[in-house]
Amino acid sequence: MERTDAASASASAGPRPADAGPLGSPFSYTEADEEKRRGVRRMKATATGLLLLVALIFALATWADRSGAGPWAGYVAAAAEAGMVGALADWFAVTALFRHPLGVPIPHTAIIPNKKDQLGVSLGAFVGENFLSPSVVRTRLGALGIGSRLGAWLAEPAHADRVTSELATALRGALTVLRDSDVQAVVGEAITRRADAAEVAPGIGKTLEKVVADGGHRRVVDLVCARAHDWLVLHGDSVMDAVQGGAPGWTPRFVDKKVGERVYKELLRFVTEMRDMPTHPARGALDRFLADFAADLQSDTDTRARVERLKSDVLARPEVQDVIASAWSSVRSMIIAAAEDERSELRLRARASLLALGARLSTDTRLQAKVDGWLQDAAAYVVSTYRAEITSLITDTVRSWDATDTSRKIEAHIGRDLQFIRINGTVVGALAGLVIFTVSRVVGG
């Protein structure tokens, strides 16, 4: 019987399905499976040996009963006969799971090879209904208390260091994978598009209005006046030469010189007074000009249009685009350097934030409840939205398995227990036969 089962295995399984995985696939029959199968064969030999034993006992008891050995022979024969029936019935049931018994294509046999795909669909549906339902996921995650566990784990400095290191590694990897040219193009296009879409004149006008109202521009005026005074003192000859060079050719040279000196002195006096006198009329005129300009930037259509045209011209200049594009390279280099340096401000702040989060999360029950709720909502959304895709992984994987390999592998893993069914069937059948024979004798008296 053992030889017949083995010989019918490949024939009953039929040809490999078109969508079956290759023999070298992760679910293919392996040497480890063959080792387990050898143990199954030993158990099969034991169960088959027990069947042959009760058959021999039946034959001997039947011969003894016919030879007048006594009433005991009938009881033994009945028990042995029922044991054979039980053993054969359980052998048929166990064999029918994996192949056609004796190679005969009896209906509803070779269940696993023939019903593999249906079993995969049923398994996927079972997992989806009983394990991937939002209520089950919420209940399970709620019982785990992930928020408090995560807080206690992050509160340990060693764990915070590990998370910080992993985050730094992931950040470096992401920045390394990104192509600078692609990121620069995206950044440049985003900045340019954002700048084109936003009108800057009103914002500049409001800022300038506030600066003038607070007197913040006066420091700039003081600086300009001081620098202008110093420049005039150092370059007086240049100013006088410029004035003389612009004089008519028919005027005497000494007259041109006198005019140049006079203009220089008046200009120096004006700048000096403007520098030293906070209430100088020119300063007041400048304040009024800036205030009017701030109002025009916010309300005057022509002024706002000119500012927008100026903005567009500036953004369109190659130098500005080069600066925008090169900004990513600078930021990238800065971030990578900070991520690689264990004592950088970036990593120190990240570590401190993780420790603070862990300390708060381990003690704040409200925050724990929020984290648990977020995780439950996220998990429930995933299982409710992608349950079909998740269960299809099971069904598609089972469908890709080779029917023969699947049957042999399953038999190798559970075959020993199934052979105990045969043994138990033999014993239980014998006991049941003995009881039935005894009752019939007693009742038939």
Protein backbone atom coordinates (compact mmCIF):
# COMPACT_ATOMS: atom_id res chain seq x y z
CA MET A 1 0.00 0.00 0.00
CA GLU A 2 2.87 2.38 0.79
CA ARG A 3 4.44 1.76 -2.62
CA THR A 4 1.10 2.24 -4.35
CA ASP A 5 0.51 5.58 -2.58
CA ALA A 6 3.92 6.85 -3.57
CA ALA A 7 3.55 5.69 -7.14
CA SER A 8 0.17 7.35 -7.56
CA ALA A 9 1.27 10.70 -6.13
CA SER A 10 2.60 12.22 -9.35
CA ALA A 11 -0.07 10.66 -11.54
CA SER A 12 -2.98 11.87 -9.39
CA ALA A 13 -1.64 15.39 -9.13
CA GLY A 14 -1.99 15.84 -12.90
CA PRO A 15 0.07 18.25 -15.03
CA ARG A 16 1.55 21.40 -13.51
CA PRO A 17 -0.92 24.30 -13.87
CA ALA A 18 0.03 27.14 -16.17
CA ASP A 19 0.24 29.60 -13.30
CA ALA A 20 2.18 27.32 -10.99
CA GLY A 21 5.34 28.68 -9.52
CA PRO A 22 8.69 27.27 -10.57
CA LEU A 23 10.17 24.36 -8.74
CA GLY A 24 12.76 26.70 -7.33
CA SER A 25 10.13 29.05 -5.91
CA PRO A 26 10.08 29.77 -2.14
CA PHE A 27 7.31 27.16 -1.69
CA SER A 28 9.01 24.41 -3.67
CA TYR A 29 9.68 21.04 -2.12
CA THR A 30 13.00 21.20 -0.27
CA GLU A 31 15.47 18.86 1.39
CA ALA A 32 14.09 19.85 4.81
CA ASP A 33 10.65 18.78 3.61
CA GLU A 34 12.09 15.47 2.39
CA GLU A 35 13.56 14.85 5.85
CA LYS A 36 10.14 15.38 7.42
CA ARG A 37 8.60 13.18 4.76
CA ARG A 38 10.89 10.34 5.80
CA GLY A 39 9.40 10.61 9.28
CA VAL A 40 5.93 10.47 7.72
CA ARG A 41 6.90 7.31 5.86
CA ARG A 42 7.97 5.70 9.12
CA MET A 43 4.60 6.54 10.66
CA LYS A 44 2.85 5.22 7.55
CA ALA A 45 4.78 1.99 7.91
CA THR A 46 3.69 1.77 11.55
CA ALA A 47 0.01 2.39 10.69
CA THR A 48 0.17 -0.06 7.79
CA GLY A 49 1.92 -2.60 9.97
CA LEU A 50 -0.85 -2.30 12.55
CA LEU A 51 -3.41 -2.90 9.78
CA LEU A 52 -1.55 -6.03 8.66
CA LEU A 53 -1.33 -7.15 12.29
CA VAL A 54 -5.09 -6.94 12.86
CA ALA A 55 -5.63 -8.66 9.51
CA LEU A 56 -3.39 -11.51 10.65
CA ILE A 57 -5.19 -11.63 14.00
CA PHE A 58 -8.54 -11.71 12.17
CA ALA A 59 -7.38 -14.59 10.01
CA LEU A 60 -6.04 -16.58 12.95
CA ALA A 61 -9.08 -15.84 15.15
CA THR A 62 -11.44 -16.85 12.35
CA TRP A 63 -9.53 -20.12 11.86
CA ALA A 64 -9.56 -20.72 15.61
CA ASP A 65 -13.29 -20.02 15.85
CA ARG A 66 -14.04 -22.47 13.04
CA SER A 67 -11.75 -25.01 14.66
CA GLY A 68 -13.79 -24.91 17.88
CA ALA A 69 -11.15 -23.12 19.96
CA GLY A 70 -13.81 -21.53 22.12
CA PRO A 71 -16.06 -18.44 22.34
CA TRP A 72 -13.09 -16.14 22.79
CA ALA A 73 -12.10 -16.60 19.17
CA GLY A 74 -15.33 -15.00 17.95
CA TYR A 75 -14.76 -11.95 20.10
CA VAL A 76 -11.18 -11.56 18.86
CA ALA A 77 -12.24 -12.03 15.24
CA ALA A 78 -15.00 -9.40 15.58
CA ALA A 79 -12.62 -6.91 17.15
CA ALA A 80 -9.95 -7.54 14.50
CA GLU A 81 -12.50 -7.28 11.69
CA ALA A 82 -13.78 -3.91 12.97
CA GLY A 83 -10.18 -2.76 13.44
CA MET A 84 -9.45 -3.53 9.78
CA VAL A 85 -12.53 -1.62 8.70
CA GLY A 86 -11.56 1.38 10.81
CA ALA A 87 -7.98 1.28 9.57
CA LEU A 88 -9.03 1.06 5.91
CA ALA A 89 -11.60 3.84 6.29
CA ASP A 90 -9.09 6.20 7.90
CA TRP A 91 -6.42 5.25 5.35
CA PHE A 92 -8.84 6.19 2.59
CA ALA A 93 -9.73 9.49 4.31
CA VAL A 94 -6.10 10.48 4.92
CA THR A 95 -4.93 9.44 1.46
CA ALA A 96 -7.83 11.25 -0.24
CA LEU A 97 -6.50 14.55 1.08
CA PHE A 98 -3.34 14.34 -0.99
CA ARG A 99 -3.96 11.91 -3.87
CA HIS A 100 -6.36 9.42 -5.44
CA PRO A 101 -6.36 6.24 -3.34
CA LEU A 102 -4.70 3.40 -5.32
CA GLY A 103 -4.53 5.76 -8.29
CA VAL A 104 -8.30 5.47 -8.90
CA PRO A 105 -9.82 8.91 -9.68
CA ILE A 106 -12.66 8.59 -7.17
CA PRO A 107 -14.72 11.80 -6.86
CA HIS A 108 -13.80 14.10 -3.99
CA THR A 109 -10.32 12.68 -3.57
CA ALA A 110 -6.90 14.35 -4.11
CA ILE A 111 -8.53 17.33 -2.42
CA ILE A 112 -5.46 19.49 -1.83
CA PRO A 113 -4.01 19.26 -5.38
CA ASN A 114 -7.41 19.73 -7.03
CA LYS A 115 -8.85 22.33 -4.65
CA LYS A 116 -5.66 24.30 -3.98
CA ASP A 117 -6.92 27.51 -5.58
CA GLN A 118 -10.30 27.27 -3.86
CA LEU A 119 -8.54 26.69 -0.55
CA GLY A 120 -6.46 29.82 -1.18
CA VAL A 121 -9.60 31.87 -1.85
CA SER A 122 -11.27 30.48 1.26
CA LEU A 123 -8.18 31.16 3.35
CA GLY A 124 -7.99 34.73 2.04
CA ALA A 125 -11.68 35.30 2.78
CA PHE A 126 -11.29 33.82 6.26
CA VAL A 127 -8.32 36.06 7.05
CA GLY A 128 -10.10 39.12 5.66
CA GLU A 129 -13.29 38.54 7.63
CA ASN A 130 -11.74 37.47 10.93
CA PHE A 131 -8.39 39.26 11.09
CA LEU A 132 -8.64 42.31 8.82
CA SER A 133 -11.87 43.83 10.06
CA PRO A 134 -11.63 47.36 11.55
CA SER A 135 -13.23 46.25 14.82
CA VAL A 136 -10.75 43.41 15.33
CA VAL A 137 -7.79 45.64 14.48
CA ARG A 138 -8.98 48.41 16.81
CA THR A 139 -9.57 45.99 19.68
CA ARG A 140 -6.18 44.35 19.26
CA LEU A 141 -4.25 47.61 19.00
CA GLY A 142 -6.17 49.08 21.93
CA ALA A 143 -5.20 46.12 24.10
CA LEU A 144 -1.52 46.50 23.22
CA GLY A 145 -1.19 50.03 24.67
CA ILE A 146 1.29 51.07 22.01
CA GLY A 147 1.37 54.70 23.14
CA SER A 148 2.64 53.97 26.65
CA ARG A 149 5.05 51.29 25.41
CA LEU A 150 6.46 53.61 22.78
CA GLY A 151 6.88 56.38 25.33
CA ALA A 152 8.72 54.13 27.79
CA TRP A 153 10.95 52.87 24.98
CA LEU A 154 11.80 56.34 23.65
CA ALA A 155 12.47 57.66 27.15
CA GLU A 156 15.59 55.47 27.30
CA PRO A 157 18.62 57.48 26.09
CA ALA A 158 20.07 54.47 24.26
CA HIS A 159 16.85 54.02 22.30
CA ALA A 160 16.64 57.74 21.50
CA ASP A 161 20.23 57.58 20.23
CA ARG A 162 19.37 54.61 18.06
CA VAL A 163 16.30 56.29 16.55
CA THR A 164 18.27 59.48 15.94
CA SER A 165 21.02 57.51 14.20
CA GLU A 166 18.50 55.62 12.06
CA LEU A 167 16.73 58.83 11.10
CA ALA A 168 20.05 60.44 10.17
CA THR A 169 20.95 57.43 8.04
CA ALA A 170 17.58 57.51 6.30
CA LEU A 171 17.90 61.25 5.71
CA ARG A 172 21.37 60.87 4.22
CA GLY A 173 20.16 58.03 2.02
CA ALA A 174 17.19 60.02 0.75
CA LEU A 175 19.31 63.07 -0.02
CA THR A 176 21.90 60.91 -1.76
CA VAL A 177 19.33 59.22 -3.97
CA LEU A 178 17.75 62.49 -5.07
CA ARG A 179 19.24 63.97 -8.23
CA ASP A 180 20.39 67.54 -7.68
CA SER A 181 19.33 68.65 -11.13
CA ASP A 182 15.78 67.39 -10.62
CA VAL A 183 15.42 68.94 -7.18
CA GLN A 184 16.94 72.23 -8.35
CA ALA A 185 14.50 72.38 -11.23
CA VAL A 186 11.56 71.69 -8.93
CA VAL A 187 12.73 74.23 -6.32
CA GLY A 188 13.43 76.88 -8.92
CA GLU A 189 10.11 76.35 -10.64
CA ALA A 190 8.22 76.37 -7.33
CA ILE A 191 9.86 79.58 -6.10
CA THR A 192 9.39 81.32 -9.43
CA ARG A 193 5.75 80.23 -9.73
CA ARG A 194 5.01 81.26 -6.15
CA ALA A 195 6.69 84.62 -6.64
CA ASP A 196 4.83 85.24 -9.91
CA ALA A 197 1.49 84.33 -8.34
CA ALA A 198 1.89 86.59 -5.30
CA GLU A 199 1.75 90.39 -5.64
CA VAL A 200 4.58 91.82 -3.59
CA ALA A 201 3.82 95.56 -3.77
CA PRO A 202 1.09 95.65 -1.06
CA GLY A 203 3.23 93.62 1.32
CA ILE A 204 6.23 95.83 0.73
CA GLY A 205 4.05 98.89 1.21
CA LYS A 206 2.67 97.68 4.54
CA THR A 207 6.14 96.79 5.76
CA LEU A 208 7.56 100.15 4.67
CA GLU A 209 4.65 101.99 6.28
CA LYS A 210 5.27 100.26 9.60
CA VAL A 211 9.01 100.89 9.39
CA VAL A 212 8.46 104.62 8.74
CA ALA A 213 5.85 104.88 11.49
CA ASP A 214 8.22 103.24 14.00
CA GLY A 215 11.19 105.32 12.81
CA GLY A 216 13.13 102.24 11.87
CA HIS A 217 14.42 103.85 8.67
CA ARG A 218 16.25 106.59 10.56
CA ARG A 219 19.19 104.35 11.36
CA VAL A 220 19.58 103.72 7.66
CA VAL A 221 19.45 107.46 6.96
CA ASP A 222 22.02 108.08 9.71
CA LEU A 223 24.32 105.48 8.20
CA VAL A 224 23.94 106.87 4.67
CA CYS A 225 24.60 110.45 5.83
CA ALA A 226 27.65 109.41 7.85
CA ARG A 227 29.12 107.44 4.95
CA ALA A 228 28.34 110.25 2.49
CA HIS A 229 30.08 112.77 4.77
CA ASP A 230 33.15 110.57 5.13
CA TRP A 231 33.29 110.02 1.40
CA LEU A 232 33.03 113.72 0.65
CA VAL A 233 35.83 114.47 3.10
CA LEU A 234 38.12 111.89 1.47
CA HIS A 235 37.20 112.72 -2.14
CA GLY A 236 36.80 116.48 -2.12
CA ASP A 237 39.17 116.95 -5.07
CA SER A 238 37.20 114.48 -7.16
CA VAL A 239 33.96 116.37 -6.49
CA MET A 240 35.50 119.75 -7.40
CA ASP A 241 37.08 118.31 -10.54
CA ALA A 242 33.73 116.91 -11.59
CA VAL A 243 32.07 120.32 -11.12
CA GLN A 244 34.83 122.12 -13.03
CA GLY A 245 34.69 119.56 -15.83
CA GLY A 246 31.01 120.34 -16.36
CA ALA A 247 31.56 124.15 -16.65
CA PRO A 248 31.21 125.93 -20.05
CA GLY A 249 34.45 126.21 -22.02
CA TRP A 250 34.27 130.01 -22.32
CA THR A 251 34.43 130.62 -18.49
CA PRO A 252 37.83 131.39 -16.93
CA ARG A 253 39.52 128.59 -15.07
CA PHE A 254 39.75 130.48 -11.77
CA VAL A 255 35.99 131.03 -11.96
CA ASP A 256 35.43 127.31 -12.50
CA LYS A 257 37.66 126.58 -9.55
CA LYS A 258 35.79 128.98 -7.30
CA VAL A 259 32.45 127.48 -8.35
CA GLY A 260 33.71 123.95 -7.70
CA GLU A 261 34.97 124.86 -4.25
CA ARG A 262 31.71 126.57 -3.45
CA VAL A 263 29.59 123.63 -4.57
CA TYR A 264 31.73 121.21 -2.62
CA LYS A 265 31.50 123.28 0.56
CA GLU A 266 27.73 123.62 0.28
CA LEU A 267 27.32 119.95 -0.41
CA LEU A 268 29.54 119.03 2.56
CA ARG A 269 27.66 121.46 4.78
CA PHE A 270 24.31 120.03 3.71
CA VAL A 271 25.37 116.46 4.37
CA THR A 272 26.95 117.41 7.70
CA GLU A 273 23.82 119.20 8.88
CA MET A 274 21.64 116.33 7.74
CA ARG A 275 23.88 113.92 9.64
CA ASP A 276 23.93 115.95 12.86
CA MET A 277 20.36 117.35 12.89
CA PRO A 278 17.56 114.80 13.46
CA THR A 279 15.06 117.55 12.65
CA HIS A 280 16.68 118.57 9.38
CA PRO A 281 14.09 119.52 6.73
CA ALA A 282 15.59 117.04 4.28
CA ARG A 283 14.98 114.24 6.78
CA GLY A 284 11.37 115.32 7.09
CA ALA A 285 11.02 115.41 3.33
CA LEU A 286 12.49 111.93 3.15
CA ASP A 287 10.00 110.71 5.80
CA ARG A 288 7.10 112.14 3.80
CA PHE A 289 8.43 110.63 0.58
CA LEU A 290 8.71 107.17 2.12
CA ALA A 291 5.26 107.44 3.68
CA ASP A 292 3.74 108.47 0.34
CA PHE A 293 5.62 105.72 -1.46
CA ALA A 294 4.34 103.13 1.06
CA ALA A 295 0.78 104.34 0.43
CA ASP A 296 1.27 104.18 -3.34
CA LEU A 297 2.59 100.63 -3.11
CA GLN A 298 -0.66 99.61 -1.44
CA SER A 299 -3.20 101.63 -3.39
CA ASP A 300 -1.76 103.16 -6.57
CA THR A 301 -2.35 100.92 -9.57
CA ASP A 302 0.52 102.29 -11.67
CA THR A 303 3.05 101.95 -8.85
CA ARG A 304 1.99 98.40 -8.10
CA ALA A 305 2.20 97.47 -11.78
CA ARG A 306 5.72 98.90 -12.06
CA VAL A 307 6.81 96.92 -9.00
CA GLU A 308 5.38 93.73 -10.50
CA ARG A 309 7.22 94.34 -13.76
CA LEU A 310 10.41 94.95 -11.82
CA LYS A 311 9.86 91.73 -9.87
CA SER A 312 9.37 89.75 -13.07
CA ASP A 313 12.47 91.26 -14.62
CA VAL A 314 14.56 90.43 -11.56
CA LEU A 315 13.27 86.83 -11.39
CA ALA A 316 13.93 86.33 -15.09
CA ARG A 317 17.58 87.27 -14.81
CA PRO A 318 19.95 84.29 -15.16
CA GLU A 319 21.90 85.35 -12.10
CA VAL A 320 18.77 85.13 -9.92
CA GLN A 321 17.79 81.75 -11.36
CA ASP A 322 21.30 80.45 -10.70
CA VAL A 323 21.06 81.60 -7.08
CA ILE A 324 17.68 79.89 -6.67
CA ALA A 325 18.96 76.67 -8.22
CA SER A 326 22.14 76.63 -6.16
CA ALA A 327 20.19 77.10 -2.93
CA TRP A 328 19.31 73.38 -2.93
CA SER A 329 22.95 72.36 -3.15
CA SER A 330 23.81 74.51 -0.17
CA VAL A 331 20.88 73.22 1.86
CA ARG A 332 21.64 69.61 0.92
CA SER A 333 25.29 69.88 1.89
CA MET A 334 24.36 71.53 5.17
CA ILE A 335 21.80 68.85 6.05
CA ILE A 336 24.11 65.95 5.14
CA ALA A 337 26.94 67.44 7.19
CA ALA A 338 24.60 67.91 10.15
CA ALA A 339 23.24 64.37 9.81
CA GLU A 340 26.72 62.83 9.77
CA ASP A 341 27.99 64.81 12.77
CA GLU A 342 26.82 63.18 16.01
CA ARG A 343 27.36 66.45 17.89
CA SER A 344 25.58 68.65 15.34
CA GLU A 345 22.77 70.87 16.48
CA LEU A 346 20.35 68.99 14.23
CA ARG A 347 21.03 65.60 15.81
CA LEU A 348 21.22 66.97 19.35
CA ARG A 349 17.87 68.69 18.94
CA ALA A 350 16.34 65.58 17.37
CA ARG A 351 17.60 63.43 20.26
CA ALA A 352 16.33 65.90 22.86
CA SER A 353 12.95 66.03 21.14
CA LEU A 354 12.69 62.24 21.12
CA LEU A 355 13.58 62.01 24.81
CA ALA A 356 11.06 64.71 25.67
CA LEU A 357 8.41 62.98 23.59
CA GLY A 358 9.14 59.64 25.23
CA ALA A 359 8.99 61.13 28.75
CA ARG A 360 5.70 62.84 28.07
CA LEU A 361 4.21 59.90 26.22
CA SER A 362 5.06 57.51 29.05
CA THR A 363 3.20 59.60 31.65
CA ASP A 364 0.53 61.59 29.81
CA THR A 365 -2.53 59.37 29.51
CA ARG A 366 -4.31 61.84 27.23
CA LEU A 367 -1.40 61.84 24.79
CA GLN A 368 -1.25 58.04 24.97
CA ALA A 369 -4.93 57.86 24.10
CA LYS A 370 -4.38 60.21 21.16
CA VAL A 371 -1.48 58.13 19.80
CA ASP A 372 -3.43 54.92 20.24
CA GLY A 373 -6.41 56.50 18.50
CA TRP A 374 -4.28 57.70 15.59
CA LEU A 375 -2.76 54.25 15.16
CA GLN A 376 -6.14 52.55 15.36
CA ASP A 377 -7.64 54.96 12.84
CA ALA A 378 -4.71 54.46 10.47
CA ALA A 379 -4.80 50.67 10.77
CA ALA A 380 -8.59 50.59 10.39
CA TYR A 381 -8.35 52.73 7.28
CA VAL A 382 -5.70 50.47 5.78
CA VAL A 383 -7.58 47.22 6.41
CA SER A 384 -10.93 48.64 5.29
CA THR A 385 -9.51 50.28 2.16
CA TYR A 386 -6.95 47.69 1.10
CA ARG A 387 -8.42 44.48 2.52
CA ALA A 388 -9.03 43.08 -0.95
CA GLU A 389 -5.43 43.80 -1.98
CA ILE A 390 -4.08 42.23 1.21
CA THR A 391 -6.16 39.06 0.92
CA SER A 392 -5.34 38.82 -2.79
CA LEU A 393 -1.72 38.37 -1.71
CA ILE A 394 -2.79 35.14 -0.03
CA THR A 395 -4.94 33.88 -2.89
CA ASP A 396 -2.45 34.84 -5.58
CA THR A 397 0.42 33.28 -3.67
CA VAL A 398 -1.44 30.01 -3.13
CA ARG A 399 -2.50 30.01 -6.80
CA SER A 400 1.14 30.32 -7.87
CA TRP A 401 2.19 27.26 -5.89
CA ASP A 402 2.74 24.01 -7.75
CA ALA A 403 -0.02 21.54 -6.87
CA THR A 404 2.33 18.59 -6.45
CA ASP A 405 4.83 20.51 -4.34
CA THR A 406 2.03 21.96 -2.23
CA SER A 407 0.50 18.55 -1.54
CA ARG A 408 3.85 16.97 -0.72
CA LYS A 409 4.93 19.85 1.51
CA ILE A 410 1.67 19.90 3.49
CA GLU A 411 1.79 16.13 3.86
CA ALA A 412 5.40 16.34 5.07
CA HIS A 413 4.40 18.83 7.78
CA ILE A 414 1.17 17.26 9.06
CA GLY A 415 1.45 13.70 7.79
CA ARG A 416 2.71 12.23 11.09
CA ASP A 417 -0.38 13.45 12.93
CA LEU A 418 -2.60 12.12 10.16
CA GLN A 419 -1.01 8.68 10.47
CA PHE A 420 -1.98 8.69 14.16
CA ILE A 421 -5.54 9.00 12.91
CA ARG A 422 -5.07 5.72 11.08
CA ILE A 423 -3.64 4.12 14.21
CA ASN A 424 -6.44 5.49 16.37
CA GLY A 425 -8.99 4.35 13.79
CA THR A 426 -7.63 0.83 14.00
CA VAL A 427 -7.74 0.77 17.79
CA VAL A 428 -11.10 2.51 18.13
CA GLY A 429 -12.61 0.36 15.37
CA ALA A 430 -11.44 -2.81 17.13
CA LEU A 431 -12.90 -1.66 20.45
CA ALA A 432 -16.16 -0.62 18.79
CA GLY A 433 -16.39 -3.96 16.98
CA LEU A 434 -15.76 -5.83 20.21
CA VAL A 435 -18.47 -3.86 22.01
CA ILE A 436 -20.98 -4.34 19.18
CA PHE A 437 -20.23 -8.08 18.97
CA THR A 438 -20.53 -8.42 22.75
CA VAL A 439 -23.84 -6.55 22.89
CA SER A 440 -25.23 -8.62 20.01
CA ARG A 441 -24.26 -11.85 21.81
CA VAL A 442 -25.75 -10.70 25.07
CA VAL A 443 -28.98 -9.47 23.51
CA GLY A 444 -29.24 -12.46 21.18
CA GLY A 445 -28.50 -14.61 24.19
